[in-house]
Amino acid sequence: MATFYNKQHGEFSLIMNQDVVLTNAVGPWNLECIEQFGIDYATSVYTAKVSKWADIIMLQGESLLVPDAEKDLQVRIARAVETGLSHVAVVMCKSEVKTTAKLQMKRLYRNLPAELAFFDTLNEAIDWVKQQGYRCERKSVENFFEQSF
């Protein structure tokens, strides 16, 4: 089941699809949005009962975190990596601030044992996730990102 959260500063929808968490995120994001995202993300992973998973994240709009949201998300990401997040594919094609967003994402995953990769298209991200050994049905992933927002 997809989860959707809308606050003044940030929107996201997410769903666990087999062993891949799909996140469609429109920024900028504030702390309240990231706190809700963390709850929904953890619930999705816990409900799926997987021990290893990947993320496909589509960044849209002004895809940046305010400083307190970045700090909070960094802690949540570290916790996710400790419990099984191993690969993260970030799709940048809809980000209005690609260079800055990429730098911020790199900071979030710095010094963590998860592989982070950036892609211009969703198809490239899906191919990469599948190459890493995750179950990922292309049509389901495409449908999620087409129906979000």
C-alpha atoms as a PDB file:
ATOM      1  CA  MET A   1       0.000   0.000   0.000  1.00  0.00           C
ATOM      2  CA  ALA A   2       1.378   3.409  -0.924  1.00  0.00           C
ATOM      3  CA  THR A   3       1.763   6.026   1.735  1.00  0.00           C
ATOM      4  CA  PHE A   4       1.459   9.725   0.986  1.00  0.00           C
ATOM      5  CA  TYR A   5       2.375  12.687   3.152  1.00  0.00           C
ATOM      6  CA  ASN A   6       1.950  16.320   2.266  1.00  0.00           C
ATOM      7  CA  LYS A   7       3.227  19.189   4.375  1.00  0.00           C
ATOM      8  CA  GLN A   8       4.023  22.751   3.498  1.00  0.00           C
ATOM      9  CA  HIS A   9       7.633  21.733   2.900  1.00  0.00           C
ATOM     10  CA  GLY A  10       7.844  18.448   1.079  1.00  0.00           C
ATOM     11  CA  GLU A  11       5.822  15.616  -0.324  1.00  0.00           C
ATOM     12  CA  PHE A  12       6.520  11.947  -0.752  1.00  0.00           C
ATOM     13  CA  SER A  13       4.868   8.692  -1.552  1.00  0.00           C
ATOM     14  CA  LEU A  14       6.455   5.329  -0.924  1.00  0.00           C
ATOM     15  CA  ILE A  15       5.745   1.664  -1.255  1.00  0.00           C
ATOM     16  CA  MET A  16       7.637  -1.569  -0.698  1.00  0.00           C
ATOM     17  CA  ASN A  17       7.655  -3.545  -3.941  1.00  0.00           C
ATOM     18  CA  GLN A  18       9.065  -7.035  -3.293  1.00  0.00           C
ATOM     19  CA  ASP A  19      12.498  -6.207  -1.849  1.00  0.00           C
ATOM     20  CA  VAL A  20      12.783  -2.646  -3.158  1.00  0.00           C
ATOM     21  CA  VAL A  21      11.422   0.490  -1.479  1.00  0.00           C
ATOM     22  CA  LEU A  22      10.161   2.960  -4.074  1.00  0.00           C
ATOM     23  CA  THR A  23      10.110   6.604  -3.027  1.00  0.00           C
ATOM     24  CA  ASN A  24       8.792   9.507  -5.060  1.00  0.00           C
ATOM     25  CA  ALA A  25       9.870  12.726  -3.366  1.00  0.00           C
ATOM     26  CA  VAL A  26       9.110  16.344  -4.211  1.00  0.00           C
ATOM     27  CA  GLY A  27      11.146  18.877  -2.253  1.00  0.00           C
ATOM     28  CA  PRO A  28      12.202  20.924  -0.506  1.00  0.00           C
ATOM     29  CA  TRP A  29      11.729  18.906   2.672  1.00  0.00           C
ATOM     30  CA  ASN A  30      11.460  20.077   6.244  1.00  0.00           C
ATOM     31  CA  LEU A  31      11.957  18.134   9.473  1.00  0.00           C
ATOM     32  CA  GLU A  32       8.272  17.256   9.918  1.00  0.00           C
ATOM     33  CA  CYS A  33       8.125  15.701   6.473  1.00  0.00           C
ATOM     34  CA  ILE A  34      11.295  13.661   7.090  1.00  0.00           C
ATOM     35  CA  GLU A  35       9.994  12.444  10.461  1.00  0.00           C
ATOM     36  CA  GLN A  36       6.817  11.152   8.822  1.00  0.00           C
ATOM     37  CA  PHE A  37       8.835   9.679   5.962  1.00  0.00           C
ATOM     38  CA  GLY A  38      10.991   7.786   8.478  1.00  0.00           C
ATOM     39  CA  ILE A  39       7.940   6.301  10.186  1.00  0.00           C
ATOM     40  CA  ASP A  40       6.335   5.239   6.896  1.00  0.00           C
ATOM     41  CA  TYR A  41       9.608   3.869   5.531  1.00  0.00           C
ATOM     42  CA  ALA A  42      10.290   1.773   8.637  1.00  0.00           C
ATOM     43  CA  THR A  43       6.719   0.477   8.681  1.00  0.00           C
ATOM     44  CA  SER A  44       6.961  -0.585   5.021  1.00  0.00           C
ATOM     45  CA  VAL A  45      10.226  -2.456   5.528  1.00  0.00           C
ATOM     46  CA  TYR A  46       9.106  -4.047   8.787  1.00  0.00           C
ATOM     47  CA  THR A  47       5.821  -5.218   7.248  1.00  0.00           C
ATOM     48  CA  ALA A  48       7.657  -6.764   4.277  1.00  0.00           C
ATOM     49  CA  LYS A  49       9.924  -8.747   6.648  1.00  0.00           C
ATOM     50  CA  VAL A  50      12.981  -8.585   4.387  1.00  0.00           C
ATOM     51  CA  SER A  51      16.537  -8.721   5.688  1.00  0.00           C
ATOM     52  CA  LYS A  52      18.151  -7.005   2.688  1.00  0.00           C
ATOM     53  CA  TRP A  53      16.623  -4.431   0.378  1.00  0.00           C
ATOM     54  CA  ALA A  54      17.311  -1.627  -2.079  1.00  0.00           C
ATOM     55  CA  ASP A  55      15.812   1.806  -2.616  1.00  0.00           C
ATOM     56  CA  ILE A  56      14.820   3.531  -5.835  1.00  0.00           C
ATOM     57  CA  ILE A  57      14.319   7.223  -5.124  1.00  0.00           C
ATOM     58  CA  MET A  58      12.943   9.714  -7.644  1.00  0.00           C
ATOM     59  CA  LEU A  59      13.879  13.287  -6.713  1.00  0.00           C
ATOM     60  CA  GLN A  60      11.577  15.987  -8.024  1.00  0.00           C
ATOM     61  CA  GLY A  61      11.335  19.744  -7.822  1.00  0.00           C
ATOM     62  CA  GLU A  62      13.638  21.646  -5.513  1.00  0.00           C
ATOM     63  CA  SER A  63      14.932  18.373  -4.116  1.00  0.00           C
ATOM     64  CA  LEU A  64      16.859  19.624  -1.094  1.00  0.00           C
ATOM     65  CA  LEU A  65      16.621  19.075   2.643  1.00  0.00           C
ATOM     66  CA  VAL A  66      16.776  21.947   5.125  1.00  0.00           C
ATOM     67  CA  PRO A  67      19.695  21.442   7.567  1.00  0.00           C
ATOM     68  CA  ASP A  68      17.713  19.939  10.466  1.00  0.00           C
ATOM     69  CA  ALA A  69      15.910  17.577   8.082  1.00  0.00           C
ATOM     70  CA  GLU A  70      19.226  16.494   6.555  1.00  0.00           C
ATOM     71  CA  LYS A  71      20.651  15.731   9.994  1.00  0.00           C
ATOM     72  CA  ASP A  72      17.559  13.725  10.973  1.00  0.00           C
ATOM     73  CA  LEU A  73      17.501  11.791   7.694  1.00  0.00           C
ATOM     74  CA  GLN A  74      21.192  10.945   8.064  1.00  0.00           C
ATOM     75  CA  VAL A  75      20.434   9.153  11.354  1.00  0.00           C
ATOM     76  CA  ARG A  76      17.479   7.316   9.809  1.00  0.00           C
ATOM     77  CA  ILE A  77      19.537   6.212   6.797  1.00  0.00           C
ATOM     78  CA  ALA A  78      22.307   4.888   9.045  1.00  0.00           C
ATOM     79  CA  ARG A  79      19.706   2.872  10.953  1.00  0.00           C
ATOM     80  CA  ALA A  80      18.270   1.492   7.697  1.00  0.00           C
ATOM     81  CA  VAL A  81      21.727   0.492   6.473  1.00  0.00           C
ATOM     82  CA  GLU A  82      22.403  -1.287   9.795  1.00  0.00           C
ATOM     83  CA  THR A  83      19.230  -3.326   9.343  1.00  0.00           C
ATOM     84  CA  GLY A  84      19.543  -4.253   5.653  1.00  0.00           C
ATOM     85  CA  LEU A  85      19.497  -1.342   3.185  1.00  0.00           C
ATOM     86  CA  SER A  86      22.345  -2.198   0.806  1.00  0.00           C
ATOM     87  CA  HIS A  87      21.819  -0.365  -2.496  1.00  0.00           C
ATOM     88  CA  VAL A  88      20.299   3.013  -3.321  1.00  0.00           C
ATOM     89  CA  ALA A  89      19.428   4.189  -6.829  1.00  0.00           C
ATOM     90  CA  VAL A  90      18.649   7.891  -7.108  1.00  0.00           C
ATOM     91  CA  VAL A  91      16.865   9.109 -10.234  1.00  0.00           C
ATOM     92  CA  MET A  92      17.691  12.762 -10.903  1.00  0.00           C
ATOM     93  CA  CYS A  93      15.759  13.504 -14.134  1.00  0.00           C
ATOM     94  CA  LYS A  94      13.037  15.575 -12.423  1.00  0.00           C
ATOM     95  CA  SER A  95      15.230  17.420  -9.939  1.00  0.00           C
ATOM     96  CA  GLU A  96      15.522  21.158 -10.505  1.00  0.00           C
ATOM     97  CA  VAL A  97      18.754  21.341  -8.489  1.00  0.00           C
ATOM     98  CA  LYS A  98      20.618  18.248  -9.663  1.00  0.00           C
ATOM     99  CA  THR A  99      24.165  19.221  -8.714  1.00  0.00           C
ATOM    100  CA  THR A 100      23.329  20.401  -5.205  1.00  0.00           C
ATOM    101  CA  ALA A 101      20.903  17.522  -4.597  1.00  0.00           C
ATOM    102  CA  LYS A 102      23.549  15.002  -5.660  1.00  0.00           C
ATOM    103  CA  LEU A 103      26.081  16.519  -3.259  1.00  0.00           C
ATOM    104  CA  GLN A 104      23.544  16.414  -0.428  1.00  0.00           C
ATOM    105  CA  MET A 105      22.696  12.750  -1.167  1.00  0.00           C
ATOM    106  CA  LYS A 106      26.387  11.868  -1.165  1.00  0.00           C
ATOM    107  CA  ARG A 107      26.732  13.494   2.265  1.00  0.00           C
ATOM    108  CA  LEU A 108      23.783  11.478   3.588  1.00  0.00           C
ATOM    109  CA  TYR A 109      25.393   8.164   2.626  1.00  0.00           C
ATOM    110  CA  ARG A 110      29.025   9.108   3.284  1.00  0.00           C
ATOM    111  CA  ASN A 111      30.888   6.501   5.346  1.00  0.00           C
ATOM    112  CA  LEU A 112      27.976   4.035   5.191  1.00  0.00           C
ATOM    113  CA  PRO A 113      28.350   0.542   3.702  1.00  0.00           C
ATOM    114  CA  ALA A 114      25.521   1.003   1.190  1.00  0.00           C
ATOM    115  CA  GLU A 115      26.176   1.475  -2.504  1.00  0.00           C
ATOM    116  CA  LEU A 116      24.766   4.759  -3.829  1.00  0.00           C
ATOM    117  CA  ALA A 117      24.281   5.313  -7.574  1.00  0.00           C
ATOM    118  CA  PHE A 118      22.756   8.160  -9.575  1.00  0.00           C
ATOM    119  CA  PHE A 119      20.762   7.811 -12.790  1.00  0.00           C
ATOM    120  CA  ASP A 120      19.183  10.059 -15.384  1.00  0.00           C
ATOM    121  CA  THR A 121      16.267   7.715 -16.069  1.00  0.00           C
ATOM    122  CA  LEU A 122      14.053   5.366 -14.123  1.00  0.00           C
ATOM    123  CA  ASN A 123      14.839   2.513 -16.530  1.00  0.00           C
ATOM    124  CA  GLU A 124      18.563   2.832 -15.789  1.00  0.00           C
ATOM    125  CA  ALA A 125      17.836   2.678 -12.043  1.00  0.00           C
ATOM    126  CA  ILE A 126      15.606  -0.393 -12.444  1.00  0.00           C
ATOM    127  CA  ASP A 127      18.261  -2.163 -14.535  1.00  0.00           C
ATOM    128  CA  TRP A 128      20.938  -1.419 -11.937  1.00  0.00           C
ATOM    129  CA  VAL A 129      18.815  -2.632  -9.020  1.00  0.00           C
ATOM    130  CA  LYS A 130      18.041  -5.848 -10.888  1.00  0.00           C
ATOM    131  CA  GLN A 131      21.764  -6.327 -11.627  1.00  0.00           C
ATOM    132  CA  GLN A 132      22.402  -6.136  -7.891  1.00  0.00           C
ATOM    133  CA  GLY A 133      20.102  -9.147  -7.421  1.00  0.00           C
ATOM    134  CA  TYR A 134      16.899  -7.504  -6.198  1.00  0.00           C
ATOM    135  CA  ARG A 135      13.441  -8.506  -7.352  1.00  0.00           C
ATOM    136  CA  CYS A 136      12.054  -5.563  -9.228  1.00  0.00           C
ATOM    137  CA  GLU A 137       9.164  -5.748 -11.692  1.00  0.00           C
ATOM    138  CA  ARG A 138       9.643  -2.953 -14.200  1.00  0.00           C
ATOM    139  CA  LYS A 139       5.934  -2.407 -14.936  1.00  0.00           C
ATOM    140  CA  SER A 140       5.016  -2.181 -11.231  1.00  0.00           C
ATOM    141  CA  VAL A 141       7.815   0.313 -10.613  1.00  0.00           C
ATOM    142  CA  GLU A 142       6.834   2.419 -13.613  1.00  0.00           C
ATOM    143  CA  ASN A 143       3.176   2.365 -12.542  1.00  0.00           C
ATOM    144  CA  PHE A 144       4.061   3.568  -9.042  1.00  0.00           C
ATOM    145  CA  PHE A 145       6.062   6.539 -10.301  1.00  0.00           C
ATOM    146  CA  GLU A 146       3.439   7.414 -12.934  1.00  0.00           C
ATOM    147  CA  GLN A 147       0.590   7.363 -10.375  1.00  0.00           C
ATOM    148  CA  SER A 148       2.368   9.222  -7.570  1.00  0.00           C
ATOM    149  CA  PHE A 149       1.260  12.847  -7.268  1.00  0.00           C
END
